[in-house]
PDB file of N, CA and C in Angstrom:
ATOM      1  N   MET A   1      17.581   9.045  -8.728  1.00  0.00           N
ATOM      2  CA  MET A   1      18.626   9.995  -8.976  1.00  0.00           C
ATOM      3  C   MET A   1      19.976   9.275  -8.990  1.00  0.00           C
ATOM      4  N   PRO A   2      20.862   9.690  -9.871  1.00  0.00           N
ATOM      5  CA  PRO A   2      22.164   9.036  -9.967  1.00  0.00           C
ATOM      6  C   PRO A   2      22.997   9.239  -8.703  1.00  0.00           C
ATOM      7  N   SER A   3      23.713   8.203  -8.304  1.00  0.00           N
ATOM      8  CA  SER A   3      24.608   8.293  -7.145  1.00  0.00           C
ATOM      9  C   SER A   3      25.884   9.031  -7.549  1.00  0.00           C
ATOM     10  N   GLU A   4      26.651   9.429  -6.573  1.00  0.00           N
ATOM     11  CA  GLU A   4      27.924  10.108  -6.854  1.00  0.00           C
ATOM     12  C   GLU A   4      28.866   9.185  -7.632  1.00  0.00           C
ATOM     13  N   GLN A   5      28.873   7.901  -7.303  1.00  0.00           N
ATOM     14  CA  GLN A   5      29.707   6.935  -8.027  1.00  0.00           C
ATOM     15  C   GLN A   5      29.261   6.812  -9.480  1.00  0.00           C
ATOM     16  N   ALA A   6      27.945   6.771  -9.703  1.00  0.00           N
ATOM     17  CA  ALA A   6      27.426   6.680 -11.072  1.00  0.00           C
ATOM     18  C   ALA A   6      27.805   7.921 -11.874  1.00  0.00           C
ATOM     19  N   ILE A   7      27.741   9.094 -11.248  1.00  0.00           N
ATOM     20  CA  ILE A   7      28.122  10.338 -11.930  1.00  0.00           C
ATOM     21  C   ILE A   7      29.612  10.322 -12.247  1.00  0.00           C
ATOM     22  N   TYR A   8      30.421   9.882 -11.302  1.00  0.00           N
ATOM     23  CA  TYR A   8      31.867   9.794 -11.531  1.00  0.00           C
ATOM     24  C   TYR A   8      32.163   8.920 -12.750  1.00  0.00           C
ATOM     25  N   LEU A   9      31.569   7.741 -12.786  1.00  0.00           N
ATOM     26  CA  LEU A   9      31.791   6.829 -13.916  1.00  0.00           C
ATOM     27  C   LEU A   9      31.239   7.402 -15.209  1.00  0.00           C
ATOM     28  N   PHE A  10      30.099   8.099 -15.143  1.00  0.00           N
ATOM     29  CA  PHE A  10      29.500   8.711 -16.330  1.00  0.00           C
ATOM     30  C   PHE A  10      30.449   9.761 -16.909  1.00  0.00           C
ATOM     31  N   ARG A  11      30.964  10.625 -16.051  1.00  0.00           N
ATOM     32  CA  ARG A  11      31.867  11.686 -16.501  1.00  0.00           C
ATOM     33  C   ARG A  11      33.172  11.109 -17.033  1.00  0.00           C
ATOM     34  N   GLU A  12      33.577   9.983 -16.484  1.00  0.00           N
ATOM     35  CA  GLU A  12      34.788   9.299 -16.920  1.00  0.00           C
ATOM     36  C   GLU A  12      34.576   8.578 -18.256  1.00  0.00           C
ATOM     37  N   GLY A  13      33.298   8.309 -18.573  1.00  0.00           N
ATOM     38  CA  GLY A  13      32.967   7.606 -19.811  1.00  0.00           C
ATOM     39  C   GLY A  13      32.961   6.103 -19.665  1.00  0.00           C
ATOM     40  N   THR A  14      32.889   5.619 -18.421  1.00  0.00           N
ATOM     41  CA  THR A  14      32.945   4.173 -18.198  1.00  0.00           C
ATOM     42  C   THR A  14      31.688   3.615 -17.533  1.00  0.00           C
ATOM     43  N   ASN A  15      30.635   4.402 -17.421  1.00  0.00           N
ATOM     44  CA  ASN A  15      29.404   3.917 -16.792  1.00  0.00           C
ATOM     45  C   ASN A  15      28.590   3.144 -17.822  1.00  0.00           C
ATOM     46  N   ALA A  16      28.748   1.828 -17.828  1.00  0.00           N
ATOM     47  CA  ALA A  16      28.051   0.977 -18.789  1.00  0.00           C
ATOM     48  C   ALA A  16      26.602   0.740 -18.390  1.00  0.00           C
ATOM     49  N   ARG A  17      26.185   1.250 -17.252  1.00  0.00           N
ATOM     50  CA  ARG A  17      24.817   1.052 -16.780  1.00  0.00           C
ATOM     51  C   ARG A  17      24.091   2.387 -16.592  1.00  0.00           C
ATOM     52  N   ALA A  18      24.429   3.395 -17.391  1.00  0.00           N
ATOM     53  CA  ALA A  18      23.817   4.718 -17.266  1.00  0.00           C
ATOM     54  C   ALA A  18      22.305   4.655 -17.455  1.00  0.00           C
ATOM     55  N   TYR A  19      21.825   3.667 -18.188  1.00  0.00           N
ATOM     56  CA  TYR A  19      20.382   3.517 -18.405  1.00  0.00           C
ATOM     57  C   TYR A  19      19.634   3.298 -17.093  1.00  0.00           C
ATOM     58  N   GLU A  20      20.321   2.852 -16.058  1.00  0.00           N
ATOM     59  CA  GLU A  20      19.665   2.648 -14.766  1.00  0.00           C
ATOM     60  C   GLU A  20      19.379   3.972 -14.062  1.00  0.00           C
ATOM     61  N   ASP A  21      20.087   5.030 -14.440  1.00  0.00           N
ATOM     62  CA  ASP A  21      19.935   6.329 -13.797  1.00  0.00           C
ATOM     63  C   ASP A  21      19.270   7.371 -14.681  1.00  0.00           C
ATOM     64  N   LEU A  22      19.497   7.296 -15.983  1.00  0.00           N
ATOM     65  CA  LEU A  22      18.941   8.295 -16.897  1.00  0.00           C
ATOM     66  C   LEU A  22      17.570   7.863 -17.389  1.00  0.00           C
ATOM     67  N   GLY A  23      16.771   8.828 -17.792  1.00  0.00           N
ATOM     68  CA  GLY A  23      15.424   8.541 -18.273  1.00  0.00           C
ATOM     69  C   GLY A  23      14.406   8.764 -17.180  1.00  0.00           C
ATOM     70  N   CYS A  24      13.311   8.027 -17.241  1.00  0.00           N
ATOM     71  CA  CYS A  24      12.233   8.125 -16.255  1.00  0.00           C
ATOM     72  C   CYS A  24      12.125   6.810 -15.499  1.00  0.00           C
ATOM     73  N   HIS A  25      12.070   6.923 -14.179  1.00  0.00           N
ATOM     74  CA  HIS A  25      11.945   5.740 -13.326  1.00  0.00           C
ATOM     75  C   HIS A  25      10.849   5.994 -12.302  1.00  0.00           C
ATOM     76  N   LEU A  26       9.883   5.077 -12.209  1.00  0.00           N
ATOM     77  CA  LEU A  26       8.793   5.203 -11.250  1.00  0.00           C
ATOM     78  C   LEU A  26       9.232   4.660  -9.898  1.00  0.00           C
ATOM     79  N   MET A  27       8.924   5.430  -8.843  1.00  0.00           N
ATOM     80  CA  MET A  27       9.285   4.996  -7.502  1.00  0.00           C
ATOM     81  C   MET A  27       8.458   5.735  -6.457  1.00  0.00           C
ATOM     82  N   ASP A  28       7.866   4.986  -5.552  1.00  0.00           N
ATOM     83  CA  ASP A  28       7.146   5.542  -4.397  1.00  0.00           C
ATOM     84  C   ASP A  28       6.180   6.674  -4.745  1.00  0.00           C
ATOM     85  N   GLY A  29       5.318   6.469  -5.717  1.00  0.00           N
ATOM     86  CA  GLY A  29       4.320   7.469  -6.066  1.00  0.00           C
ATOM     87  C   GLY A  29       4.850   8.675  -6.814  1.00  0.00           C
ATOM     88  N   ALA A  30       6.058   8.581  -7.333  1.00  0.00           N
ATOM     89  CA  ALA A  30       6.652   9.689  -8.089  1.00  0.00           C
ATOM     90  C   ALA A  30       7.374   9.141  -9.309  1.00  0.00           C
ATOM     91  N   ALA A  31       7.611  10.013 -10.244  1.00  0.00           N
ATOM     92  CA  ALA A  31       8.421   9.684 -11.410  1.00  0.00           C
ATOM     93  C   ALA A  31       9.695  10.511 -11.315  1.00  0.00           C
ATOM     94  N   ALA A  32      10.841   9.838 -11.288  1.00  0.00           N
ATOM     95  CA  ALA A  32      12.129  10.517 -11.226  1.00  0.00           C
ATOM     96  C   ALA A  32      12.701  10.610 -12.630  1.00  0.00           C
ATOM     97  N   PHE A  33      13.124  11.795 -13.006  1.00  0.00           N
ATOM     98  CA  PHE A  33      13.672  12.035 -14.341  1.00  0.00           C
ATOM     99  C   PHE A  33      15.124  12.473 -14.235  1.00  0.00           C
ATOM    100  N   ALA A  34      15.949  11.988 -15.138  1.00  0.00           N
ATOM    101  CA  ALA A  34      17.334  12.434 -15.254  1.00  0.00           C
ATOM    102  C   ALA A  34      17.719  12.320 -16.730  1.00  0.00           C
ATOM    103  N   VAL A  35      18.204  13.415 -17.286  1.00  0.00           N
ATOM    104  CA  VAL A  35      18.609  13.430 -18.695  1.00  0.00           C
ATOM    105  C   VAL A  35      19.960  14.126 -18.825  1.00  0.00           C
ATOM    106  N   TRP A  36      20.725  13.718 -19.818  1.00  0.00           N
ATOM    107  CA  TRP A  36      21.995  14.366 -20.103  1.00  0.00           C
ATOM    108  C   TRP A  36      21.752  15.377 -21.202  1.00  0.00           C
ATOM    109  N   ALA A  37      21.871  16.647 -20.872  1.00  0.00           N
ATOM    110  CA  ALA A  37      21.677  17.724 -21.838  1.00  0.00           C
ATOM    111  C   ALA A  37      22.664  18.842 -21.503  1.00  0.00           C
ATOM    112  N   PRO A  38      23.960  18.625 -21.763  1.00  0.00           N
ATOM    113  CA  PRO A  38      24.986  19.556 -21.312  1.00  0.00           C
ATOM    114  C   PRO A  38      24.895  20.961 -21.902  1.00  0.00           C
ATOM    115  N   ASN A  39      24.284  21.118 -23.054  1.00  0.00           N
ATOM    116  CA  ASN A  39      24.198  22.438 -23.683  1.00  0.00           C
ATOM    117  C   ASN A  39      22.832  23.091 -23.529  1.00  0.00           C
ATOM    118  N   ALA A  40      21.945  22.473 -22.780  1.00  0.00           N
ATOM    119  CA  ALA A  40      20.592  23.020 -22.612  1.00  0.00           C
ATOM    120  C   ALA A  40      20.610  24.218 -21.659  1.00  0.00           C
ATOM    121  N   HIS A  41      19.698  25.141 -21.914  1.00  0.00           N
ATOM    122  CA  HIS A  41      19.508  26.283 -21.012  1.00  0.00           C
ATOM    123  C   HIS A  41      18.400  25.978 -20.018  1.00  0.00           C
ATOM    124  N   ALA A  42      17.513  25.052 -20.369  1.00  0.00           N
ATOM    125  CA  ALA A  42      16.421  24.627 -19.495  1.00  0.00           C
ATOM    126  C   ALA A  42      15.924  23.272 -19.984  1.00  0.00           C
ATOM    127  N   VAL A  43      15.425  22.475 -19.049  1.00  0.00           N
ATOM    128  CA  VAL A  43      14.838  21.172 -19.380  1.00  0.00           C
ATOM    129  C   VAL A  43      13.542  21.064 -18.587  1.00  0.00           C
ATOM    130  N   THR A  44      12.481  20.652 -19.260  1.00  0.00           N
ATOM    131  CA  THR A  44      11.182  20.538 -18.605  1.00  0.00           C
ATOM    132  C   THR A  44      10.508  19.235 -19.002  1.00  0.00           C
ATOM    133  N   VAL A  45       9.668  18.734 -18.108  1.00  0.00           N
ATOM    134  CA  VAL A  45       8.883  17.534 -18.388  1.00  0.00           C
ATOM    135  C   VAL A  45       7.439  17.981 -18.532  1.00  0.00           C
ATOM    136  N   MET A  46       6.845  17.655 -19.672  1.00  0.00           N
ATOM    137  CA  MET A  46       5.461  18.076 -19.877  1.00  0.00           C
ATOM    138  C   MET A  46       4.714  17.036 -20.692  1.00  0.00           C
ATOM    139  N   GLY A  47       3.416  17.043 -20.520  1.00  0.00           N
ATOM    140  CA  GLY A  47       2.563  16.109 -21.232  1.00  0.00           C
ATOM    141  C   GLY A  47       1.111  16.447 -20.986  1.00  0.00           C
ATOM    142  N   GLU A  48       0.260  15.582 -21.451  1.00  0.00           N
ATOM    143  CA  GLU A  48      -1.174  15.800 -21.288  1.00  0.00           C
ATOM    144  C   GLU A  48      -1.561  15.917 -19.811  1.00  0.00           C
ATOM    145  N   TRP A  49      -0.884  15.168 -18.943  1.00  0.00           N
ATOM    146  CA  TRP A  49      -1.185  15.138 -17.514  1.00  0.00           C
ATOM    147  C   TRP A  49      -0.931  16.472 -16.812  1.00  0.00           C
ATOM    148  N   ASN A  50      -0.121  17.364 -17.389  1.00  0.00           N
ATOM    149  CA  ASN A  50       0.068  18.690 -16.802  1.00  0.00           C
ATOM    150  C   ASN A  50      -0.305  19.799 -17.790  1.00  0.00           C
ATOM    151  N   SER A  51      -1.223  19.450 -18.691  1.00  0.00           N
ATOM    152  CA  SER A  51      -1.764  20.391 -19.693  1.00  0.00           C
ATOM    153  C   SER A  51      -0.665  21.017 -20.557  1.00  0.00           C
ATOM    154  N   TRP A  52       0.384  20.259 -20.809  1.00  0.00           N
ATOM    155  CA  TRP A  52       1.494  20.693 -21.666  1.00  0.00           C
ATOM    156  C   TRP A  52       2.105  22.013 -21.190  1.00  0.00           C
ATOM    157  N   ASP A  53       2.135  22.208 -19.882  1.00  0.00           N
ATOM    158  CA  ASP A  53       2.672  23.422 -19.280  1.00  0.00           C
ATOM    159  C   ASP A  53       4.188  23.290 -19.129  1.00  0.00           C
ATOM    160  N   ALA A  54       4.923  24.032 -19.948  1.00  0.00           N
ATOM    161  CA  ALA A  54       6.387  23.932 -19.942  1.00  0.00           C
ATOM    162  C   ALA A  54       7.012  24.403 -18.635  1.00  0.00           C
ATOM    163  N   GLY A  55       6.297  25.180 -17.853  1.00  0.00           N
ATOM    164  CA  GLY A  55       6.855  25.672 -16.600  1.00  0.00           C
ATOM    165  C   GLY A  55       6.455  24.872 -15.383  1.00  0.00           C
ATOM    166  N   ALA A  56       5.606  23.867 -15.563  1.00  0.00           N
ATOM    167  CA  ALA A  56       5.069  23.125 -14.419  1.00  0.00           C
ATOM    168  C   ALA A  56       6.098  22.218 -13.750  1.00  0.00           C
ATOM    169  N   HIS A  57       6.940  21.579 -14.520  1.00  0.00           N
ATOM    170  CA  HIS A  57       7.890  20.613 -13.959  1.00  0.00           C
ATOM    171  C   HIS A  57       9.260  20.780 -14.603  1.00  0.00           C
ATOM    172  N   ARG A  58       9.980  21.778 -14.160  1.00  0.00           N
ATOM    173  CA  ARG A  58      11.336  22.013 -14.675  1.00  0.00           C
ATOM    174  C   ARG A  58      12.331  21.124 -13.942  1.00  0.00           C
ATOM    175  N   LEU A  59      13.278  20.607 -14.677  1.00  0.00           N
ATOM    176  CA  LEU A  59      14.352  19.841 -14.066  1.00  0.00           C
ATOM    177  C   LEU A  59      15.475  20.799 -13.677  1.00  0.00           C
ATOM    178  N   LYS A  60      16.282  20.391 -12.703  1.00  0.00           N
ATOM    179  CA  LYS A  60      17.391  21.223 -12.240  1.00  0.00           C
ATOM    180  C   LYS A  60      18.707  20.618 -12.695  1.00  0.00           C
ATOM    181  N   ARG A  61      19.592  21.502 -13.134  1.00  0.00           N
ATOM    182  CA  ARG A  61      20.927  21.059 -13.559  1.00  0.00           C
ATOM    183  C   ARG A  61      21.745  20.713 -12.317  1.00  0.00           C
ATOM    184  N   ARG A  62      22.392  19.549 -12.351  1.00  0.00           N
ATOM    185  CA  ARG A  62      23.284  19.184 -11.244  1.00  0.00           C
ATOM    186  C   ARG A  62      24.447  20.162 -11.205  1.00  0.00           C
ATOM    187  N   GLY A  63      24.900  20.484 -10.037  1.00  0.00           N
ATOM    188  CA  GLY A  63      25.979  21.445  -9.883  1.00  0.00           C
ATOM    189  C   GLY A  63      27.371  20.855 -10.026  1.00  0.00           C
ATOM    190  N   ASP A  64      27.476  19.633 -10.510  1.00  0.00           N
ATOM    191  CA  ASP A  64      28.778  18.969 -10.590  1.00  0.00           C
ATOM    192  C   ASP A  64      29.413  18.998 -11.980  1.00  0.00           C
ATOM    193  N   GLY A  65      28.811  19.734 -12.917  1.00  0.00           N
ATOM    194  CA  GLY A  65      29.377  19.831 -14.258  1.00  0.00           C
ATOM    195  C   GLY A  65      29.165  18.620 -15.142  1.00  0.00           C
ATOM    196  N   SER A  66      28.317  17.695 -14.715  1.00  0.00           N
ATOM    197  CA  SER A  66      28.084  16.466 -15.491  1.00  0.00           C
ATOM    198  C   SER A  66      27.178  16.687 -16.696  1.00  0.00           C
ATOM    199  N   GLY A  67      26.435  17.790 -16.711  1.00  0.00           N
ATOM    200  CA  GLY A  67      25.487  18.037 -17.796  1.00  0.00           C
ATOM    201  C   GLY A  67      24.167  17.317 -17.600  1.00  0.00           C
ATOM    202  N   ILE A  68      23.961  16.722 -16.422  1.00  0.00           N
ATOM    203  CA  ILE A  68      22.735  15.980 -16.128  1.00  0.00           C
ATOM    204  C   ILE A  68      21.744  16.898 -15.423  1.00  0.00           C
ATOM    205  N   TRP A  69      20.509  16.842 -15.883  1.00  0.00           N
ATOM    206  CA  TRP A  69      19.388  17.558 -15.288  1.00  0.00           C
ATOM    207  C   TRP A  69      18.499  16.515 -14.623  1.00  0.00           C
ATOM    208  N   GLU A  70      17.942  16.839 -13.444  1.00  0.00           N
ATOM    209  CA  GLU A  70      17.138  15.859 -12.752  1.00  0.00           C
ATOM    210  C   GLU A  70      16.005  16.517 -11.968  1.00  0.00           C
ATOM    211  N   GLY A  71      14.995  15.706 -11.668  1.00  0.00           N
ATOM    212  CA  GLY A  71      13.865  16.177 -10.884  1.00  0.00           C
ATOM    213  C   GLY A  71      12.845  15.072 -10.709  1.00  0.00           C
ATOM    214  N   GLN A  72      11.803  15.372  -9.935  1.00  0.00           N
ATOM    215  CA  GLN A  72      10.746  14.401  -9.671  1.00  0.00           C
ATOM    216  C   GLN A  72       9.379  15.047  -9.900  1.00  0.00           C
ATOM    217  N   VAL A  73       8.459  14.222 -10.329  1.00  0.00           N
ATOM    218  CA  VAL A  73       7.062  14.627 -10.473  1.00  0.00           C
ATOM    219  C   VAL A  73       6.237  13.653  -9.647  1.00  0.00           C
ATOM    220  N   THR A  74       5.451  14.159  -8.710  1.00  0.00           N
ATOM    221  CA  THR A  74       4.625  13.294  -7.879  1.00  0.00           C
ATOM    222  C   THR A  74       3.221  13.192  -8.453  1.00  0.00           C
ATOM    223  N   GLY A  75       2.537  12.145  -8.036  1.00  0.00           N
ATOM    224  CA  GLY A  75       1.141  11.995  -8.459  1.00  0.00           C
ATOM    225  C   GLY A  75       0.955  11.075  -9.632  1.00  0.00           C
TER     226      GLY A  75
END
């Protein structure tokens, strides 16, 4: 998940390392997801592993106005 400093720089437009926080990152038996989708009404992670269920793994919009949605999938 992006740190507060990374979000600050992202919103400022100066985070040259946003790729380290956005996308999918494997860690400790889970996959952490973070995507920038400021105009989305919902963001979900789905695939064959969850039977393409759009409601199984919804990401949550950060409350800081950054437009970033994030969440984790275990297993």
